Amino acid sequence: MIDQAKKHPNVKWLMSTAEKMELQKNFYDGAVSTLAIHHFSSLEVSFSTIYQTLKNNKHFVIFGADPRKIDANCWLKDYFGNLIDKAIDTYLEVSEVILKLESIFENKVVYTPFSIPYDITDGFFYAGWQTPEKYLDKNFRNNISVFAKSNEKSLQKCIDKLQLDLKNGIWEKKYGVVRNLNVYNGGYYFLKVTK
């Protein structure tokens, strides 16, 4: 990711885990975590580190996901259900994340669910909800950790089923209605807490 990042004189990239970041204490005006906390080995240590780096009255914002919050009839569960089930083990329930944040920051967390717009340009797991054809593209899948961590043989079975159902119209018959929606629930959320 650092190799892909745009160079800028005012941006300094650090190679570190969230738990071992060596940043100046009481210095920063804010902190943002985007779809990353499920990769932290210790939320308590990471959140404490972030808390210490922030100035008073400044915010920590998390964009995260809780796969337990997706709709029961979500088409991605039909095709990638085994991957979603495995991912659940790496994602804490959002209520647990909130409890950990409130404990460390000693302040209330503002929770805001995030429905994914149809025209989102990012490439996270649910970003292609309206265009299932995207999931057939290896380049699209390569940027998504759920796919990167998957067994290739198991993943290929999922892709083959999706490709076949798109070709023979089964996907359209069962889930085509999503092509007319403006937003979709993928279990994503924003959390904001103030030091």
C-alpha atoms as a PDB file:
ATOM      1  CA  MET A   1       0.000   0.000   0.000  1.00  0.00           C
ATOM      2  CA  ILE A   2       2.843   2.370   0.789  1.00  0.00           C
ATOM      3  CA  ASP A   3       4.370   1.609  -2.635  1.00  0.00           C
ATOM      4  CA  GLN A   4       1.057   2.594  -4.245  1.00  0.00           C
ATOM      5  CA  ALA A   5       0.629   5.763  -2.182  1.00  0.00           C
ATOM      6  CA  LYS A   6       1.049   9.162  -3.771  1.00  0.00           C
ATOM      7  CA  LYS A   7       4.129  10.992  -2.589  1.00  0.00           C
ATOM      8  CA  HIS A   8       3.514  14.319  -0.859  1.00  0.00           C
ATOM      9  CA  PRO A   9       5.949  16.498   1.099  1.00  0.00           C
ATOM     10  CA  ASN A  10       3.494  16.867   4.001  1.00  0.00           C
ATOM     11  CA  VAL A  11       2.785  13.156   4.360  1.00  0.00           C
ATOM     12  CA  LYS A  12       5.080  10.814   6.237  1.00  0.00           C
ATOM     13  CA  TRP A  13       4.386   7.081   5.879  1.00  0.00           C
ATOM     14  CA  LEU A  14       5.234   4.841   8.816  1.00  0.00           C
ATOM     15  CA  MET A  15       5.859   1.112   8.685  1.00  0.00           C
ATOM     16  CA  SER A  16       4.429  -0.134  11.965  1.00  0.00           C
ATOM     17  CA  THR A  17       1.712  -2.148  13.579  1.00  0.00           C
ATOM     18  CA  ALA A  18      -1.055  -0.208  15.264  1.00  0.00           C
ATOM     19  CA  GLU A  19       0.105  -1.552  18.616  1.00  0.00           C
ATOM     20  CA  LYS A  20       3.690  -0.301  18.251  1.00  0.00           C
ATOM     21  CA  MET A  21       3.289   3.070  16.556  1.00  0.00           C
ATOM     22  CA  GLU A  22       5.867   5.499  17.860  1.00  0.00           C
ATOM     23  CA  LEU A  23       4.048   8.800  17.575  1.00  0.00           C
ATOM     24  CA  GLN A  24       4.275  12.007  19.523  1.00  0.00           C
ATOM     25  CA  LYS A  25       1.920  12.124  22.521  1.00  0.00           C
ATOM     26  CA  ASN A  26      -0.851  14.756  22.746  1.00  0.00           C
ATOM     27  CA  PHE A  27       0.139  16.028  19.305  1.00  0.00           C
ATOM     28  CA  TYR A  28      -2.418  15.047  16.655  1.00  0.00           C
ATOM     29  CA  ASP A  29      -5.685  16.745  15.716  1.00  0.00           C
ATOM     30  CA  GLY A  30      -7.349  13.485  14.755  1.00  0.00           C
ATOM     31  CA  ALA A  31      -6.953   9.836  13.859  1.00  0.00           C
ATOM     32  CA  VAL A  32      -8.786   7.710  11.298  1.00  0.00           C
ATOM     33  CA  SER A  33      -8.878   3.944  10.864  1.00  0.00           C
ATOM     34  CA  THR A  34     -10.397   2.653   7.628  1.00  0.00           C
ATOM     35  CA  LEU A  35     -11.361  -1.027   7.503  1.00  0.00           C
ATOM     36  CA  ALA A  36      -8.303  -1.923   9.561  1.00  0.00           C
ATOM     37  CA  ILE A  37      -9.214  -2.738  13.160  1.00  0.00           C
ATOM     38  CA  HIS A  38      -9.960  -6.379  12.295  1.00  0.00           C
ATOM     39  CA  HIS A  39      -6.233  -6.661  11.509  1.00  0.00           C
ATOM     40  CA  PHE A  40      -5.097  -5.287  14.898  1.00  0.00           C
ATOM     41  CA  SER A  41      -3.749  -7.947  17.248  1.00  0.00           C
ATOM     42  CA  SER A  42      -4.918  -5.989  20.309  1.00  0.00           C
ATOM     43  CA  LEU A  43      -7.654  -3.381  20.165  1.00  0.00           C
ATOM     44  CA  GLU A  44      -6.913  -2.294  23.722  1.00  0.00           C
ATOM     45  CA  VAL A  45      -3.238  -1.560  23.004  1.00  0.00           C
ATOM     46  CA  SER A  46      -3.991   0.045  19.626  1.00  0.00           C
ATOM     47  CA  PHE A  47      -6.783   2.240  20.974  1.00  0.00           C
ATOM     48  CA  SER A  48      -4.641   3.256  23.968  1.00  0.00           C
ATOM     49  CA  THR A  49      -1.789   4.209  21.644  1.00  0.00           C
ATOM     50  CA  ILE A  50      -4.115   6.310  19.490  1.00  0.00           C
ATOM     51  CA  TYR A  51      -5.672   7.897  22.580  1.00  0.00           C
ATOM     52  CA  GLN A  52      -2.234   8.974  23.853  1.00  0.00           C
ATOM     53  CA  THR A  53      -1.298  10.614  20.535  1.00  0.00           C
ATOM     54  CA  LEU A  54      -4.414  12.805  20.296  1.00  0.00           C
ATOM     55  CA  LYS A  55      -4.747  16.317  21.673  1.00  0.00           C
ATOM     56  CA  ASN A  56      -7.621  16.875  24.104  1.00  0.00           C
ATOM     57  CA  ASN A  57     -11.041  17.387  22.505  1.00  0.00           C
ATOM     58  CA  LYS A  58      -9.906  15.711  19.274  1.00  0.00           C
ATOM     59  CA  HIS A  59     -11.540  12.760  17.546  1.00  0.00           C
ATOM     60  CA  PHE A  60     -10.763   9.202  16.592  1.00  0.00           C
ATOM     61  CA  VAL A  61     -12.957   7.957  13.721  1.00  0.00           C
ATOM     62  CA  ILE A  62     -13.261   4.322  12.687  1.00  0.00           C
ATOM     63  CA  PHE A  63     -14.789   3.036   9.490  1.00  0.00           C
ATOM     64  CA  GLY A  64     -15.383  -0.628  10.219  1.00  0.00           C
ATOM     65  CA  ALA A  65     -17.542  -3.638   9.485  1.00  0.00           C
ATOM     66  CA  ASP A  66     -19.527  -6.218  11.373  1.00  0.00           C
ATOM     67  CA  PRO A  67     -20.541  -9.099   9.065  1.00  0.00           C
ATOM     68  CA  ARG A  68     -23.242 -10.079  11.577  1.00  0.00           C
ATOM     69  CA  LYS A  69     -25.158  -6.922  10.601  1.00  0.00           C
ATOM     70  CA  ILE A  70     -25.666  -7.746   6.923  1.00  0.00           C
ATOM     71  CA  ASP A  71     -29.157  -8.493   5.670  1.00  0.00           C
ATOM     72  CA  ALA A  72     -30.250 -12.135   5.770  1.00  0.00           C
ATOM     73  CA  ASN A  73     -31.117 -12.127   2.047  1.00  0.00           C
ATOM     74  CA  CYS A  74     -27.801 -10.597   0.942  1.00  0.00           C
ATOM     75  CA  TRP A  75     -26.752 -12.187  -2.373  1.00  0.00           C
ATOM     76  CA  LEU A  76     -23.077 -12.187  -1.372  1.00  0.00           C
ATOM     77  CA  LYS A  77     -23.945 -14.658   1.410  1.00  0.00           C
ATOM     78  CA  ASP A  78     -25.342 -17.014  -1.220  1.00  0.00           C
ATOM     79  CA  TYR A  79     -22.110 -17.032  -3.228  1.00  0.00           C
ATOM     80  CA  PHE A  80     -19.420 -16.198  -0.671  1.00  0.00           C
ATOM     81  CA  GLY A  81     -21.111 -17.380   2.521  1.00  0.00           C
ATOM     82  CA  ASN A  82     -18.218 -19.610   3.570  1.00  0.00           C
ATOM     83  CA  LEU A  83     -15.824 -16.641   3.275  1.00  0.00           C
ATOM     84  CA  ILE A  84     -18.173 -14.385   5.228  1.00  0.00           C
ATOM     85  CA  ASP A  85     -18.536 -17.020   7.948  1.00  0.00           C
ATOM     86  CA  LYS A  86     -14.744 -17.263   8.270  1.00  0.00           C
ATOM     87  CA  ALA A  87     -14.420 -13.472   8.338  1.00  0.00           C
ATOM     88  CA  ILE A  88     -16.841 -13.245  11.253  1.00  0.00           C
ATOM     89  CA  ASP A  89     -14.144 -14.758  13.453  1.00  0.00           C
ATOM     90  CA  THR A  90     -11.813 -11.829  12.691  1.00  0.00           C
ATOM     91  CA  TYR A  91     -14.399  -9.096  13.244  1.00  0.00           C
ATOM     92  CA  LEU A  92     -15.567  -8.153  16.712  1.00  0.00           C
ATOM     93  CA  GLU A  93     -19.198  -7.266  17.126  1.00  0.00           C
ATOM     94  CA  VAL A  94     -19.519  -3.509  16.840  1.00  0.00           C
ATOM     95  CA  SER A  95     -20.979  -3.377  20.379  1.00  0.00           C
ATOM     96  CA  GLU A  96     -17.726  -4.885  21.724  1.00  0.00           C
ATOM     97  CA  VAL A  97     -15.626  -2.371  19.791  1.00  0.00           C
ATOM     98  CA  ILE A  98     -17.725   0.438  21.258  1.00  0.00           C
ATOM     99  CA  LEU A  99     -17.246  -0.893  24.798  1.00  0.00           C
ATOM    100  CA  LYS A 100     -13.467  -1.029  24.345  1.00  0.00           C
ATOM    101  CA  LEU A 101     -13.356   2.510  22.931  1.00  0.00           C
ATOM    102  CA  GLU A 102     -15.543   3.938  25.688  1.00  0.00           C
ATOM    103  CA  SER A 103     -13.429   2.244  28.331  1.00  0.00           C
ATOM    104  CA  ILE A 104     -10.167   3.684  26.987  1.00  0.00           C
ATOM    105  CA  PHE A 105     -11.425   7.132  25.970  1.00  0.00           C
ATOM    106  CA  GLU A 106     -13.781   7.440  28.956  1.00  0.00           C
ATOM    107  CA  ASN A 107     -16.275   9.024  26.630  1.00  0.00           C
ATOM    108  CA  LYS A 108     -19.368   8.000  24.658  1.00  0.00           C
ATOM    109  CA  VAL A 109     -18.970   6.669  21.127  1.00  0.00           C
ATOM    110  CA  VAL A 110     -21.199   7.928  18.318  1.00  0.00           C
ATOM    111  CA  TYR A 111     -22.296   4.988  16.136  1.00  0.00           C
ATOM    112  CA  THR A 112     -23.492   5.646  12.575  1.00  0.00           C
ATOM    113  CA  PRO A 113     -24.420   2.763  10.254  1.00  0.00           C
ATOM    114  CA  PHE A 114     -23.140   3.190   6.687  1.00  0.00           C
ATOM    115  CA  SER A 115     -25.179   1.933   3.749  1.00  0.00           C
ATOM    116  CA  ILE A 116     -23.038   1.494   0.657  1.00  0.00           C
ATOM    117  CA  PRO A 117     -24.049   3.747  -2.247  1.00  0.00           C
ATOM    118  CA  TYR A 118     -24.404   2.185  -5.682  1.00  0.00           C
ATOM    119  CA  ASP A 119     -21.675   4.412  -7.151  1.00  0.00           C
ATOM    120  CA  ILE A 120     -18.972   3.979  -4.512  1.00  0.00           C
ATOM    121  CA  THR A 121     -15.515   3.927  -6.090  1.00  0.00           C
ATOM    122  CA  ASP A 122     -13.622   2.092  -3.339  1.00  0.00           C
ATOM    123  CA  GLY A 123     -13.038  -1.623  -3.743  1.00  0.00           C
ATOM    124  CA  PHE A 124     -13.822  -3.242  -0.387  1.00  0.00           C
ATOM    125  CA  PHE A 125     -15.753  -6.522  -0.103  1.00  0.00           C
ATOM    126  CA  TYR A 126     -19.322  -5.223  -0.530  1.00  0.00           C
ATOM    127  CA  ALA A 127     -18.423  -2.363  -2.900  1.00  0.00           C
ATOM    128  CA  GLY A 128     -19.622  -4.315  -5.946  1.00  0.00           C
ATOM    129  CA  TRP A 129     -22.994  -5.227  -4.467  1.00  0.00           C
ATOM    130  CA  GLN A 130     -24.902  -3.841  -7.470  1.00  0.00           C
ATOM    131  CA  THR A 131     -22.599  -5.309 -10.119  1.00  0.00           C
ATOM    132  CA  PRO A 132     -21.775  -8.939  -9.278  1.00  0.00           C
ATOM    133  CA  GLU A 133     -19.689  -9.158 -12.450  1.00  0.00           C
ATOM    134  CA  LYS A 134     -16.963  -7.233 -10.579  1.00  0.00           C
ATOM    135  CA  TYR A 135     -16.362 -10.288  -8.382  1.00  0.00           C
ATOM    136  CA  LEU A 136     -15.363 -12.305 -11.450  1.00  0.00           C
ATOM    137  CA  ASP A 137     -12.454  -9.896 -11.981  1.00  0.00           C
ATOM    138  CA  LYS A 138      -9.287 -11.098 -10.257  1.00  0.00           C
ATOM    139  CA  ASN A 139      -7.952  -7.511 -10.067  1.00  0.00           C
ATOM    140  CA  PHE A 140     -11.045  -6.463  -8.106  1.00  0.00           C
ATOM    141  CA  ARG A 141     -10.701  -9.441  -5.751  1.00  0.00           C
ATOM    142  CA  ASN A 142      -6.940  -8.946  -5.239  1.00  0.00           C
ATOM    143  CA  ASN A 143      -7.517  -5.758  -3.236  1.00  0.00           C
ATOM    144  CA  ILE A 144      -9.915  -7.353  -0.754  1.00  0.00           C
ATOM    145  CA  SER A 145      -8.534  -9.115   2.320  1.00  0.00           C
ATOM    146  CA  VAL A 146     -11.403 -11.631   2.533  1.00  0.00           C
ATOM    147  CA  PHE A 147     -10.378 -12.966  -0.881  1.00  0.00           C
ATOM    148  CA  ALA A 148      -6.643 -12.663  -0.243  1.00  0.00           C
ATOM    149  CA  LYS A 149      -6.978 -14.896   2.837  1.00  0.00           C
ATOM    150  CA  SER A 150      -9.133 -17.468   1.050  1.00  0.00           C
ATOM    151  CA  ASN A 151      -8.196 -20.925  -0.094  1.00  0.00           C
ATOM    152  CA  GLU A 152      -7.824 -20.646  -3.892  1.00  0.00           C
ATOM    153  CA  LYS A 153      -9.748 -23.852  -4.625  1.00  0.00           C
ATOM    154  CA  SER A 154     -12.645 -22.902  -2.339  1.00  0.00           C
ATOM    155  CA  LEU A 155     -12.746 -19.384  -3.774  1.00  0.00           C
ATOM    156  CA  GLN A 156     -12.785 -20.698  -7.339  1.00  0.00           C
ATOM    157  CA  LYS A 157     -15.903 -22.765  -6.555  1.00  0.00           C
ATOM    158  CA  CYS A 158     -17.643 -19.570  -5.394  1.00  0.00           C
ATOM    159  CA  ILE A 159     -16.552 -17.699  -8.524  1.00  0.00           C
ATOM    160  CA  ASP A 160     -17.627 -20.552 -10.813  1.00  0.00           C
ATOM    161  CA  LYS A 161     -21.103 -20.672  -9.227  1.00  0.00           C
ATOM    162  CA  LEU A 162     -21.523 -16.905  -9.545  1.00  0.00           C
ATOM    163  CA  GLN A 163     -20.305 -16.921 -13.146  1.00  0.00           C
ATOM    164  CA  LEU A 164     -22.675 -19.744 -14.095  1.00  0.00           C
ATOM    165  CA  ASP A 165     -25.672 -18.113 -12.380  1.00  0.00           C
ATOM    166  CA  LEU A 166     -24.948 -14.793 -14.089  1.00  0.00           C
ATOM    167  CA  LYS A 167     -24.676 -16.540 -17.455  1.00  0.00           C
ATOM    168  CA  ASN A 168     -27.888 -18.565 -17.131  1.00  0.00           C
ATOM    169  CA  GLY A 169     -29.954 -15.763 -15.536  1.00  0.00           C
ATOM    170  CA  ILE A 170     -30.394 -17.366 -12.117  1.00  0.00           C
ATOM    171  CA  TRP A 171     -28.625 -14.492 -10.335  1.00  0.00           C
ATOM    172  CA  GLU A 172     -30.801 -11.942 -12.131  1.00  0.00           C
ATOM    173  CA  LYS A 173     -33.988 -13.828 -11.287  1.00  0.00           C
ATOM    174  CA  LYS A 174     -33.099 -14.160  -7.581  1.00  0.00           C
ATOM    175  CA  TYR A 175     -31.260 -10.895  -6.916  1.00  0.00           C
ATOM    176  CA  GLY A 176     -31.692  -8.595  -9.926  1.00  0.00           C
ATOM    177  CA  VAL A 177     -33.783  -6.192  -7.854  1.00  0.00           C
ATOM    178  CA  VAL A 178     -30.570  -4.891  -6.226  1.00  0.00           C
ATOM    179  CA  ARG A 179     -29.571  -3.334  -9.538  1.00  0.00           C
ATOM    180  CA  ASN A 180     -32.326  -0.755  -8.930  1.00  0.00           C
ATOM    181  CA  LEU A 181     -31.349   0.116  -5.355  1.00  0.00           C
ATOM    182  CA  ASN A 182     -29.410   3.228  -4.382  1.00  0.00           C
ATOM    183  CA  VAL A 183     -27.826   1.833  -1.203  1.00  0.00           C
ATOM    184  CA  TYR A 184     -27.071  -1.565   0.319  1.00  0.00           C
ATOM    185  CA  ASN A 185     -26.401  -2.840   3.825  1.00  0.00           C
ATOM    186  CA  GLY A 186     -23.044  -4.575   4.130  1.00  0.00           C
ATOM    187  CA  GLY A 187     -22.714  -4.248   7.913  1.00  0.00           C
ATOM    188  CA  TYR A 188     -20.434  -1.195   7.695  1.00  0.00           C
ATOM    189  CA  TYR A 189     -20.373   1.620  10.223  1.00  0.00           C
ATOM    190  CA  PHE A 190     -18.611   4.735  11.468  1.00  0.00           C
ATOM    191  CA  LEU A 191     -17.606   5.187  15.101  1.00  0.00           C
ATOM    192  CA  LYS A 192     -16.455   8.522  16.490  1.00  0.00           C
ATOM    193  CA  VAL A 193     -15.013   9.085  19.948  1.00  0.00           C
ATOM    194  CA  THR A 194     -13.483  12.205  21.440  1.00  0.00           C
ATOM    195  CA  LYS A 195     -10.517  12.376  23.792  1.00  0.00           C
END
